[in-house]
Amino acid sequence: SARYLAFEMGAQKIRVNTISAGAVRTLSAMAVGGIDEMFEHTERRAPLKRNIEADEVGKTAVYLLSDLSSGVTGENIYVDSGANIVGL
């Protein structure tokens, strides 16, 4: 959807991007069944060998909202310590 929207809105100078965050330790996340196993899996398998922090997702959003990303549209940016590049 982001790609289609980016194509349609680009002529109006509107950029459309998405953020795909990995699991983040929050109070509400702790209610998800198996969340500890997800965190352990990320620490073992992700290239950065760690879980992400909520502020890392926020920093990515700030980047996308700023002029630093003025040439970026139609993209999905993963903030997950690289977990998306490895299989289960």
PDB file of N, CA and C in Angstrom:
ATOM      1  N   SER A   1       0.815  -1.190   0.000  1.00  0.00           N
ATOM      2  CA  SER A   1       0.000   0.000   0.000  1.00  0.00           C
ATOM      3  C   SER A   1       0.859   1.255   0.000  1.00  0.00           C
ATOM      4  N   ALA A   2       1.972   1.222   0.735  1.00  0.00           N
ATOM      5  CA  ALA A   2       2.835   2.408   0.786  1.00  0.00           C
ATOM      6  C   ALA A   2       3.374   2.732  -0.599  1.00  0.00           C
ATOM      7  N   ARG A   3       3.724   1.727  -1.353  1.00  0.00           N
ATOM      8  CA  ARG A   3       4.255   1.972  -2.703  1.00  0.00           C
ATOM      9  C   ARG A   3       3.199   2.600  -3.605  1.00  0.00           C
ATOM     10  N   TYR A   4       1.993   2.069  -3.549  1.00  0.00           N
ATOM     11  CA  TYR A   4       0.920   2.618  -4.371  1.00  0.00           C
ATOM     12  C   TYR A   4       0.601   4.053  -3.959  1.00  0.00           C
ATOM     13  N   LEU A   5       0.510   4.291  -2.659  1.00  0.00           N
ATOM     14  CA  LEU A   5       0.241   5.638  -2.180  1.00  0.00           C
ATOM     15  C   LEU A   5       1.374   6.591  -2.543  1.00  0.00           C
ATOM     16  N   ALA A   6       2.613   6.124  -2.410  1.00  0.00           N
ATOM     17  CA  ALA A   6       3.757   6.965  -2.770  1.00  0.00           C
ATOM     18  C   ALA A   6       3.694   7.354  -4.241  1.00  0.00           C
ATOM     19  N   PHE A   7       3.320   6.425  -5.090  1.00  0.00           N
ATOM     20  CA  PHE A   7       3.209   6.716  -6.521  1.00  0.00           C
ATOM     21  C   PHE A   7       2.115   7.744  -6.780  1.00  0.00           C
ATOM     22  N   GLU A   8       0.976   7.561  -6.129  1.00  0.00           N
ATOM     23  CA  GLU A   8      -0.166   8.463  -6.343  1.00  0.00           C
ATOM     24  C   GLU A   8       0.072   9.848  -5.753  1.00  0.00           C
ATOM     25  N   MET A   9       0.745   9.920  -4.620  1.00  0.00           N
ATOM     26  CA  MET A   9       0.888  11.192  -3.916  1.00  0.00           C
ATOM     27  C   MET A   9       2.175  11.941  -4.250  1.00  0.00           C
ATOM     28  N   GLY A  10       3.087  11.286  -4.931  1.00  0.00           N
ATOM     29  CA  GLY A  10       4.375  11.897  -5.243  1.00  0.00           C
ATOM     30  C   GLY A  10       4.281  13.201  -6.003  1.00  0.00           C
ATOM     31  N   ALA A  11       3.380  13.293  -6.961  1.00  0.00           N
ATOM     32  CA  ALA A  11       3.238  14.528  -7.753  1.00  0.00           C
ATOM     33  C   ALA A  11       2.827  15.707  -6.875  1.00  0.00           C
ATOM     34  N   GLN A  12       2.230  15.410  -5.724  1.00  0.00           N
ATOM     35  CA  GLN A  12       1.821  16.460  -4.789  1.00  0.00           C
ATOM     36  C   GLN A  12       2.894  16.702  -3.719  1.00  0.00           C
ATOM     37  N   LYS A  13       4.075  16.125  -3.956  1.00  0.00           N
ATOM     38  CA  LYS A  13       5.212  16.260  -3.044  1.00  0.00           C
ATOM     39  C   LYS A  13       4.944  15.658  -1.662  1.00  0.00           C
ATOM     40  N   ILE A  14       4.118  14.621  -1.647  1.00  0.00           N
ATOM     41  CA  ILE A  14       3.829  13.894  -0.413  1.00  0.00           C
ATOM     42  C   ILE A  14       4.569  12.571  -0.452  1.00  0.00           C
ATOM     43  N   ARG A  15       5.379  12.338   0.571  1.00  0.00           N
ATOM     44  CA  ARG A  15       6.124  11.085   0.670  1.00  0.00           C
ATOM     45  C   ARG A  15       5.373  10.120   1.571  1.00  0.00           C
ATOM     46  N   VAL A  16       5.410   8.836   1.231  1.00  0.00           N
ATOM     47  CA  VAL A  16       4.731   7.802   2.014  1.00  0.00           C
ATOM     48  C   VAL A  16       5.732   6.689   2.303  1.00  0.00           C
ATOM     49  N   ASN A  17       5.969   6.432   3.573  1.00  0.00           N
ATOM     50  CA  ASN A  17       6.872   5.374   4.000  1.00  0.00           C
ATOM     51  C   ASN A  17       6.265   4.664   5.206  1.00  0.00           C
ATOM     52  N   THR A  18       6.755   3.476   5.495  1.00  0.00           N
ATOM     53  CA  THR A  18       6.284   2.732   6.655  1.00  0.00           C
ATOM     54  C   THR A  18       7.478   2.272   7.487  1.00  0.00           C
ATOM     55  N   ILE A  19       7.211   1.995   8.751  1.00  0.00           N
ATOM     56  CA  ILE A  19       8.216   1.454   9.655  1.00  0.00           C
ATOM     57  C   ILE A  19       7.715   0.103  10.148  1.00  0.00           C
ATOM     58  N   SER A  20       8.555  -0.906  10.020  1.00  0.00           N
ATOM     59  CA  SER A  20       8.236  -2.234  10.537  1.00  0.00           C
ATOM     60  C   SER A  20       9.173  -2.498  11.714  1.00  0.00           C
ATOM     61  N   ALA A  21       8.630  -2.363  12.903  1.00  0.00           N
ATOM     62  CA  ALA A  21       9.448  -2.521  14.110  1.00  0.00           C
ATOM     63  C   ALA A  21       9.431  -3.954  14.601  1.00  0.00           C
ATOM     64  N   GLY A  22      10.535  -4.360  15.178  1.00  0.00           N
ATOM     65  CA  GLY A  22      10.589  -5.650  15.840  1.00  0.00           C
ATOM     66  C   GLY A  22       9.903  -5.547  17.191  1.00  0.00           C
ATOM     67  N   ALA A  23       9.959  -6.633  17.934  1.00  0.00           N
ATOM     68  CA  ALA A  23       9.352  -6.645  19.265  1.00  0.00           C
ATOM     69  C   ALA A  23      10.081  -5.663  20.178  1.00  0.00           C
ATOM     70  N   VAL A  24       9.295  -4.893  20.926  1.00  0.00           N
ATOM     71  CA  VAL A  24       9.831  -3.891  21.851  1.00  0.00           C
ATOM     72  C   VAL A  24       9.324  -4.217  23.252  1.00  0.00           C
ATOM     73  N   ARG A  25      10.216  -4.156  24.227  1.00  0.00           N
ATOM     74  CA  ARG A  25       9.821  -4.420  25.616  1.00  0.00           C
ATOM     75  C   ARG A  25       8.990  -3.250  26.143  1.00  0.00           C
ATOM     76  N   THR A  26       7.703  -3.486  26.231  1.00  0.00           N
ATOM     77  CA  THR A  26       6.783  -2.515  26.816  1.00  0.00           C
ATOM     78  C   THR A  26       5.875  -3.253  27.778  1.00  0.00           C
ATOM     79  N   LEU A  27       5.147  -2.513  28.566  1.00  0.00           N
ATOM     80  CA  LEU A  27       4.222  -3.138  29.501  1.00  0.00           C
ATOM     81  C   LEU A  27       3.176  -3.963  28.756  1.00  0.00           C
ATOM     82  N   SER A  28       2.645  -3.417  27.663  1.00  0.00           N
ATOM     83  CA  SER A  28       1.627  -4.156  26.918  1.00  0.00           C
ATOM     84  C   SER A  28       2.216  -5.363  26.185  1.00  0.00           C
ATOM     85  N   ALA A  29       3.470  -5.283  25.756  1.00  0.00           N
ATOM     86  CA  ALA A  29       4.096  -6.418  25.073  1.00  0.00           C
ATOM     87  C   ALA A  29       4.218  -7.617  26.005  1.00  0.00           C
ATOM     88  N   MET A  30       4.371  -7.363  27.279  1.00  0.00           N
ATOM     89  CA  MET A  30       4.545  -8.461  28.231  1.00  0.00           C
ATOM     90  C   MET A  30       3.284  -9.307  28.362  1.00  0.00           C
ATOM     91  N   ALA A  31       2.157  -8.809  27.875  1.00  0.00           N
ATOM     92  CA  ALA A  31       0.903  -9.573  27.910  1.00  0.00           C
ATOM     93  C   ALA A  31       0.775 -10.519  26.717  1.00  0.00           C
ATOM     94  N   VAL A  32       1.681 -10.416  25.753  1.00  0.00           N
ATOM     95  CA  VAL A  32       1.644 -11.268  24.559  1.00  0.00           C
ATOM     96  C   VAL A  32       2.230 -12.632  24.910  1.00  0.00           C
ATOM     97  N   GLY A  33       1.497 -13.668  24.624  1.00  0.00           N
ATOM     98  CA  GLY A  33       1.976 -15.019  24.886  1.00  0.00           C
ATOM     99  C   GLY A  33       3.233 -15.333  24.086  1.00  0.00           C
ATOM    100  N   GLY A  34       4.253 -15.827  24.746  1.00  0.00           N
ATOM    101  CA  GLY A  34       5.490 -16.204  24.068  1.00  0.00           C
ATOM    102  C   GLY A  34       6.423 -15.053  23.761  1.00  0.00           C
ATOM    103  N   ILE A  35       6.172 -13.872  24.331  1.00  0.00           N
ATOM    104  CA  ILE A  35       7.003 -12.704  24.008  1.00  0.00           C
ATOM    105  C   ILE A  35       8.447 -12.893  24.453  1.00  0.00           C
ATOM    106  N   ASP A  36       8.657 -13.545  25.589  1.00  0.00           N
ATOM    107  CA  ASP A  36      10.032 -13.764  26.050  1.00  0.00           C
ATOM    108  C   ASP A  36      10.810 -14.623  25.062  1.00  0.00           C
ATOM    109  N   GLU A  37      10.134 -15.609  24.473  1.00  0.00           N
ATOM    110  CA  GLU A  37      10.789 -16.439  23.459  1.00  0.00           C
ATOM    111  C   GLU A  37      11.124 -15.614  22.211  1.00  0.00           C
ATOM    112  N   MET A  38      10.248 -14.680  21.855  1.00  0.00           N
ATOM    113  CA  MET A  38      10.532 -13.797  20.709  1.00  0.00           C
ATOM    114  C   MET A  38      11.775 -12.952  20.978  1.00  0.00           C
ATOM    115  N   PHE A  39      11.865 -12.395  22.185  1.00  0.00           N
ATOM    116  CA  PHE A  39      13.033 -11.590  22.536  1.00  0.00           C
ATOM    117  C   PHE A  39      14.304 -12.434  22.512  1.00  0.00           C
ATOM    118  N   GLU A  40      14.241 -13.634  23.064  1.00  0.00           N
ATOM    119  CA  GLU A  40      15.401 -14.530  23.072  1.00  0.00           C
ATOM    120  C   GLU A  40      15.810 -14.908  21.650  1.00  0.00           C
ATOM    121  N   HIS A  41      14.815 -15.186  20.813  1.00  0.00           N
ATOM    122  CA  HIS A  41      15.094 -15.545  19.421  1.00  0.00           C
ATOM    123  C   HIS A  41      15.816 -14.402  18.713  1.00  0.00           C
ATOM    124  N   THR A  42      15.348 -13.181  18.909  1.00  0.00           N
ATOM    125  CA  THR A  42      15.991 -12.033  18.266  1.00  0.00           C
ATOM    126  C   THR A  42      17.427 -11.891  18.739  1.00  0.00           C
ATOM    127  N   GLU A  43      17.655 -12.032  20.029  1.00  0.00           N
ATOM    128  CA  GLU A  43      19.018 -11.912  20.558  1.00  0.00           C
ATOM    129  C   GLU A  43      19.952 -12.976  19.994  1.00  0.00           C
ATOM    130  N   ARG A  44      19.427 -14.162  19.739  1.00  0.00           N
ATOM    131  CA  ARG A  44      20.254 -15.246  19.186  1.00  0.00           C
ATOM    132  C   ARG A  44      20.491 -15.097  17.693  1.00  0.00           C
ATOM    133  N   ARG A  45      19.445 -14.711  16.931  1.00  0.00           N
ATOM    134  CA  ARG A  45      19.505 -14.806  15.473  1.00  0.00           C
ATOM    135  C   ARG A  45      19.752 -13.497  14.732  1.00  0.00           C
ATOM    136  N   ALA A  46      19.313 -12.381  15.273  1.00  0.00           N
ATOM    137  CA  ALA A  46      19.452 -11.112  14.546  1.00  0.00           C
ATOM    138  C   ALA A  46      20.924 -10.733  14.417  1.00  0.00           C
ATOM    139  N   PRO A  47      21.298 -10.127  13.313  1.00  0.00           N
ATOM    140  CA  PRO A  47      22.697  -9.731  13.118  1.00  0.00           C
ATOM    141  C   PRO A  47      23.269  -8.856  14.244  1.00  0.00           C
ATOM    142  N   LEU A  48      22.459  -7.971  14.822  1.00  0.00           N
ATOM    143  CA  LEU A  48      22.958  -7.122  15.902  1.00  0.00           C
ATOM    144  C   LEU A  48      22.941  -7.807  17.263  1.00  0.00           C
ATOM    145  N   LYS A  49      22.392  -9.030  17.326  1.00  0.00           N
ATOM    146  CA  LYS A  49      22.381  -9.845  18.551  1.00  0.00           C
ATOM    147  C   LYS A  49      21.773  -9.122  19.751  1.00  0.00           C
ATOM    148  N   ARG A  50      20.733  -8.338  19.479  1.00  0.00           N
ATOM    149  CA  ARG A  50      20.059  -7.636  20.563  1.00  0.00           C
ATOM    150  C   ARG A  50      18.652  -7.269  20.120  1.00  0.00           C
ATOM    151  N   ASN A  51      17.832  -6.912  21.086  1.00  0.00           N
ATOM    152  CA  ASN A  51      16.497  -6.419  20.795  1.00  0.00           C
ATOM    153  C   ASN A  51      16.565  -4.910  20.599  1.00  0.00           C
ATOM    154  N   ILE A  52      15.506  -4.371  20.050  1.00  0.00           N
ATOM    155  CA  ILE A  52      15.470  -2.929  19.830  1.00  0.00           C
ATOM    156  C   ILE A  52      14.830  -2.223  21.025  1.00  0.00           C
ATOM    157  N   GLU A  53      15.051  -0.936  21.081  1.00  0.00           N
ATOM    158  CA  GLU A  53      14.433  -0.083  22.090  1.00  0.00           C
ATOM    159  C   GLU A  53      13.398   0.789  21.392  1.00  0.00           C
ATOM    160  N   ALA A  54      12.397   1.217  22.122  1.00  0.00           N
ATOM    161  CA  ALA A  54      11.334   2.050  21.547  1.00  0.00           C
ATOM    162  C   ALA A  54      11.888   3.339  20.945  1.00  0.00           C
ATOM    163  N   ASP A  55      12.927   3.901  21.553  1.00  0.00           N
ATOM    164  CA  ASP A  55      13.467   5.151  21.024  1.00  0.00           C
ATOM    165  C   ASP A  55      14.095   4.973  19.643  1.00  0.00           C
ATOM    166  N   GLU A  56      14.523   3.760  19.314  1.00  0.00           N
ATOM    167  CA  GLU A  56      15.090   3.520  17.985  1.00  0.00           C
ATOM    168  C   GLU A  56      14.013   3.617  16.907  1.00  0.00           C
ATOM    169  N   VAL A  57      12.817   3.180  17.238  1.00  0.00           N
ATOM    170  CA  VAL A  57      11.688   3.325  16.315  1.00  0.00           C
ATOM    171  C   VAL A  57      11.356   4.809  16.167  1.00  0.00           C
ATOM    172  N   GLY A  58      11.345   5.516  17.286  1.00  0.00           N
ATOM    173  CA  GLY A  58      11.083   6.953  17.257  1.00  0.00           C
ATOM    174  C   GLY A  58      12.112   7.721  16.439  1.00  0.00           C
ATOM    175  N   LYS A  59      13.379   7.364  16.567  1.00  0.00           N
ATOM    176  CA  LYS A  59      14.435   8.029  15.795  1.00  0.00           C
ATOM    177  C   LYS A  59      14.247   7.797  14.296  1.00  0.00           C
ATOM    178  N   THR A  60      13.795   6.612  13.940  1.00  0.00           N
ATOM    179  CA  THR A  60      13.535   6.331  12.526  1.00  0.00           C
ATOM    180  C   THR A  60      12.379   7.183  12.023  1.00  0.00           C
ATOM    181  N   ALA A  61      11.357   7.342  12.849  1.00  0.00           N
ATOM    182  CA  ALA A  61      10.222   8.197  12.480  1.00  0.00           C
ATOM    183  C   ALA A  61      10.678   9.642  12.313  1.00  0.00           C
ATOM    184  N   VAL A  62      11.537  10.109  13.202  1.00  0.00           N
ATOM    185  CA  VAL A  62      12.053  11.480  13.086  1.00  0.00           C
ATOM    186  C   VAL A  62      12.827  11.635  11.782  1.00  0.00           C
ATOM    187  N   TYR A  63      13.642  10.659  11.457  1.00  0.00           N
ATOM    188  CA  TYR A  63      14.373  10.682  10.180  1.00  0.00           C
ATOM    189  C   TYR A  63      13.409  10.804   9.004  1.00  0.00           C
ATOM    190  N   LEU A  64      12.360   9.976   9.008  1.00  0.00           N
ATOM    191  CA  LEU A  64      11.415  10.000   7.893  1.00  0.00           C
ATOM    192  C   LEU A  64      10.648  11.314   7.821  1.00  0.00           C
ATOM    193  N   LEU A  65      10.405  11.945   8.943  1.00  0.00           N
ATOM    194  CA  LEU A  65       9.698  13.222   8.967  1.00  0.00           C
ATOM    195  C   LEU A  65      10.587  14.400   8.617  1.00  0.00           C
ATOM    196  N   SER A  66      11.896  14.215   8.704  1.00  0.00           N
ATOM    197  CA  SER A  66      12.830  15.316   8.478  1.00  0.00           C
ATOM    198  C   SER A  66      13.236  15.418   7.009  1.00  0.00           C
ATOM    199  N   ASP A  67      13.931  16.493   6.709  1.00  0.00           N
ATOM    200  CA  ASP A  67      14.462  16.684   5.362  1.00  0.00           C
ATOM    201  C   ASP A  67      15.606  15.716   5.048  1.00  0.00           C
ATOM    202  N   LEU A  68      16.133  15.034   6.059  1.00  0.00           N
ATOM    203  CA  LEU A  68      17.187  14.048   5.818  1.00  0.00           C
ATOM    204  C   LEU A  68      16.707  12.925   4.902  1.00  0.00           C
ATOM    205  N   SER A  69      15.409  12.690   4.874  1.00  0.00           N
ATOM    206  CA  SER A  69      14.853  11.624   4.033  1.00  0.00           C
ATOM    207  C   SER A  69      14.067  12.198   2.854  1.00  0.00           C
ATOM    208  N   SER A  70      14.414  13.394   2.429  1.00  0.00           N
ATOM    209  CA  SER A  70      13.627  14.080   1.387  1.00  0.00           C
ATOM    210  C   SER A  70      13.537  13.302   0.075  1.00  0.00           C
ATOM    211  N   GLY A  71      14.460  12.406  -0.188  1.00  0.00           N
ATOM    212  CA  GLY A  71      14.422  11.621  -1.412  1.00  0.00           C
ATOM    213  C   GLY A  71      13.904  10.209  -1.224  1.00  0.00           C
ATOM    214  N   VAL A  72      13.306   9.932  -0.070  1.00  0.00           N
ATOM    215  CA  VAL A  72      12.840   8.580   0.244  1.00  0.00           C
ATOM    216  C   VAL A  72      11.317   8.545   0.214  1.00  0.00           C
ATOM    217  N   THR A  73      10.768   7.641  -0.581  1.00  0.00           N
ATOM    218  CA  THR A  73       9.322   7.426  -0.586  1.00  0.00           C
ATOM    219  C   THR A  73       9.022   6.012  -1.053  1.00  0.00           C
ATOM    220  N   GLY A  74       7.902   5.490  -0.596  1.00  0.00           N
ATOM    221  CA  GLY A  74       7.484   4.152  -0.996  1.00  0.00           C
ATOM    222  C   GLY A  74       8.271   3.042  -0.340  1.00  0.00           C
ATOM    223  N   GLU A  75       8.922   3.330   0.764  1.00  0.00           N
ATOM    224  CA  GLU A  75       9.783   2.351   1.417  1.00  0.00           C
ATOM    225  C   GLU A  75       9.208   1.861   2.732  1.00  0.00           C
ATOM    226  N   ASN A  76       9.564   0.642   3.088  1.00  0.00           N
ATOM    227  CA  ASN A  76       9.316   0.092   4.408  1.00  0.00           C
ATOM    228  C   ASN A  76      10.672  -0.029   5.075  1.00  0.00           C
ATOM    229  N   ILE A  77      10.846   0.626   6.200  1.00  0.00           N
ATOM    230  CA  ILE A  77      12.119   0.586   6.910  1.00  0.00           C
ATOM    231  C   ILE A  77      11.962  -0.329   8.114  1.00  0.00           C
ATOM    232  N   TYR A  78      12.807  -1.353   8.164  1.00  0.00           N
ATOM    233  CA  TYR A  78      12.786  -2.296   9.278  1.00  0.00           C
ATOM    234  C   TYR A  78      13.657  -1.774  10.411  1.00  0.00           C
ATOM    235  N   VAL A  79      13.114  -1.747  11.598  1.00  0.00           N
ATOM    236  CA  VAL A  79      13.856  -1.410  12.803  1.00  0.00           C
ATOM    237  C   VAL A  79      13.721  -2.637  13.701  1.00  0.00           C
ATOM    238  N   ASP A  80      14.613  -3.603  13.486  1.00  0.00           N
ATOM    239  CA  ASP A  80      14.470  -4.889  14.173  1.00  0.00           C
ATOM    240  C   ASP A  80      15.800  -5.596  14.414  1.00  0.00           C
ATOM    241  N   SER A  81      16.882  -4.835  14.481  1.00  0.00           N
ATOM    242  CA  SER A  81      18.231  -5.398  14.673  1.00  0.00           C
ATOM    243  C   SER A  81      18.633  -6.324  13.534  1.00  0.00           C
ATOM    244  N   GLY A  82      17.968  -6.206  12.402  1.00  0.00           N
ATOM    245  CA  GLY A  82      18.288  -7.041  11.247  1.00  0.00           C
ATOM    246  C   GLY A  82      17.574  -8.379  11.227  1.00  0.00           C
ATOM    247  N   ALA A  83      16.634  -8.590  12.139  1.00  0.00           N
ATOM    248  CA  ALA A  83      15.936  -9.876  12.232  1.00  0.00           C
ATOM    249  C   ALA A  83      15.199 -10.229  10.943  1.00  0.00           C
ATOM    250  N   ASN A  84      14.777  -9.236  10.189  1.00  0.00           N
ATOM    251  CA  ASN A  84      14.008  -9.510   8.966  1.00  0.00           C
ATOM    252  C   ASN A  84      14.850 -10.171   7.880  1.00  0.00           C
ATOM    253  N   ILE A  85      16.156 -10.124   7.985  1.00  0.00           N
ATOM    254  CA  ILE A  85      16.991 -10.702   6.917  1.00  0.00           C
ATOM    255  C   ILE A  85      17.354 -12.161   7.169  1.00  0.00           C
ATOM    256  N   VAL A  86      17.009 -12.674   8.356  1.00  0.00           N
ATOM    257  CA  VAL A  86      17.286 -14.073   8.663  1.00  0.00           C
ATOM    258  C   VAL A  86      15.972 -14.829   8.837  1.00  0.00           C
ATOM    259  N   GLY A  87      15.968 -16.092   8.538  1.00  0.00           N
ATOM    260  CA  GLY A  87      14.765 -16.897   8.684  1.00  0.00           C
ATOM    261  C   GLY A  87      14.497 -17.270  10.126  1.00  0.00           C
ATOM    262  N   LEU A  88      13.371 -17.902  10.333  1.00  0.00           N
ATOM    263  CA  LEU A  88      13.034 -18.354  11.676  1.00  0.00           C
ATOM    264  C   LEU A  88      13.973 -19.458  12.077  1.00  0.00           C
TER     265      LEU A  88
END
